[in-house]
Amino acid sequence: MCFAVPLRLLEVDGSAGVCMMSGVSIEVRLDLLEDARPGDYVLVHAGFAIQLLDEDEAETTISMIGEMLEKSEREPSSQ
């Protein structure tokens, strides 16, 4: 299964960028995007920003991921 996470881009330095997630800085590659700028939301998979997202779409996805994590923490594992 593949999983990509929407993150807000904080810094851009050529083809590298920095995003923040839960207070931790994450370096991402921007090689696959042409016009990523600080403040943009990017979809990150395996360290690469693979798509620009509009703010509403990104925040909705972030909220849904948070809900899934909360639910998985409340429910016992079936393994």
Protein backbone atom coordinates (compact mmCIF):
# COMPACT_ATOMS: atom_id res chain seq x y z
CA MET A 1 0.00 0.00 0.00
CA CYS A 2 1.24 3.50 -0.82
CA PHE A 3 0.57 6.49 1.38
CA ALA A 4 1.13 10.17 0.59
CA VAL A 5 0.72 12.97 3.10
CA PRO A 6 -0.28 16.59 2.46
CA LEU A 7 2.20 19.00 4.05
CA ARG A 8 2.68 22.76 3.95
CA LEU A 9 5.93 23.78 2.28
CA LEU A 10 7.92 26.16 4.48
CA GLU A 11 11.17 26.67 2.56
CA VAL A 12 12.37 26.16 -0.99
CA ASP A 13 16.03 25.93 -2.01
CA GLY A 14 16.28 24.89 -5.64
CA SER A 15 14.90 21.38 -5.93
CA ALA A 16 14.81 20.83 -2.16
CA GLY A 17 12.21 21.97 0.33
CA VAL A 18 11.34 21.82 3.99
CA CYS A 19 7.93 20.95 5.39
CA MET A 20 6.76 20.61 8.98
CA MET A 21 4.75 17.74 10.44
CA SER A 22 3.85 17.52 14.13
CA GLY A 23 6.63 19.96 14.99
CA VAL A 24 9.30 18.03 13.05
CA SER A 25 11.04 19.47 9.97
CA ILE A 26 10.98 17.15 6.98
CA GLU A 27 13.19 17.60 3.93
CA VAL A 28 11.42 16.89 0.65
CA ARG A 29 12.51 16.81 -2.96
CA LEU A 30 10.71 19.15 -5.34
CA ASP A 31 12.08 17.71 -8.61
CA LEU A 32 8.62 16.59 -9.75
CA LEU A 33 6.97 20.01 -9.31
CA GLU A 34 7.72 23.14 -11.29
CA ASP A 35 6.11 25.93 -9.29
CA ALA A 36 6.12 24.94 -5.61
CA ARG A 37 6.51 27.96 -3.33
CA PRO A 38 6.61 28.44 0.44
CA GLY A 39 3.06 28.35 1.79
CA ASP A 40 1.86 25.82 -0.79
CA TYR A 41 0.48 22.46 0.27
CA VAL A 42 2.23 19.55 -1.40
CA LEU A 43 1.41 15.85 -1.43
CA VAL A 44 4.55 14.01 -0.22
CA HIS A 45 5.34 10.36 -0.91
CA ALA A 46 8.69 8.68 -0.19
CA GLY A 47 10.36 12.06 0.34
CA PHE A 48 9.15 13.56 -2.94
CA ALA A 49 6.51 16.24 -3.36
CA ILE A 50 4.41 14.69 -6.11
CA GLN A 51 1.51 17.14 -6.45
CA LEU A 52 0.36 20.61 -5.43
CA LEU A 53 -2.89 20.69 -3.44
CA ASP A 54 -5.28 23.52 -2.77
CA GLU A 55 -5.61 24.45 0.89
CA ASP A 56 -9.16 23.12 1.36
CA GLU A 57 -8.30 19.72 -0.13
CA ALA A 58 -5.11 19.47 1.97
CA GLU A 59 -6.83 20.41 5.23
CA THR A 60 -9.69 17.98 4.58
CA THR A 61 -7.21 15.17 3.95
CA ILE A 62 -5.15 16.07 7.05
CA SER A 63 -8.34 16.00 9.13
CA MET A 64 -9.33 12.60 7.73
CA ILE A 65 -5.88 11.16 8.48
CA GLY A 66 -6.15 12.47 12.05
CA GLU A 67 -9.56 10.82 12.46
CA MET A 68 -8.20 7.50 11.18
CA LEU A 69 -5.27 7.66 13.62
CA GLU A 70 -7.57 8.46 16.54
CA LYS A 71 -9.87 5.59 15.64
CA SER A 72 -6.99 3.14 15.30
CA GLU A 73 -5.68 4.17 18.74
CA ARG A 74 -9.11 3.59 20.36
CA GLU A 75 -9.81 0.20 18.81
CA PRO A 76 -7.85 -2.90 19.83
CA SER A 77 -5.80 -4.57 17.14
CA SER A 78 -7.40 -7.63 15.54
CA GLN A 79 -4.03 -9.34 15.02
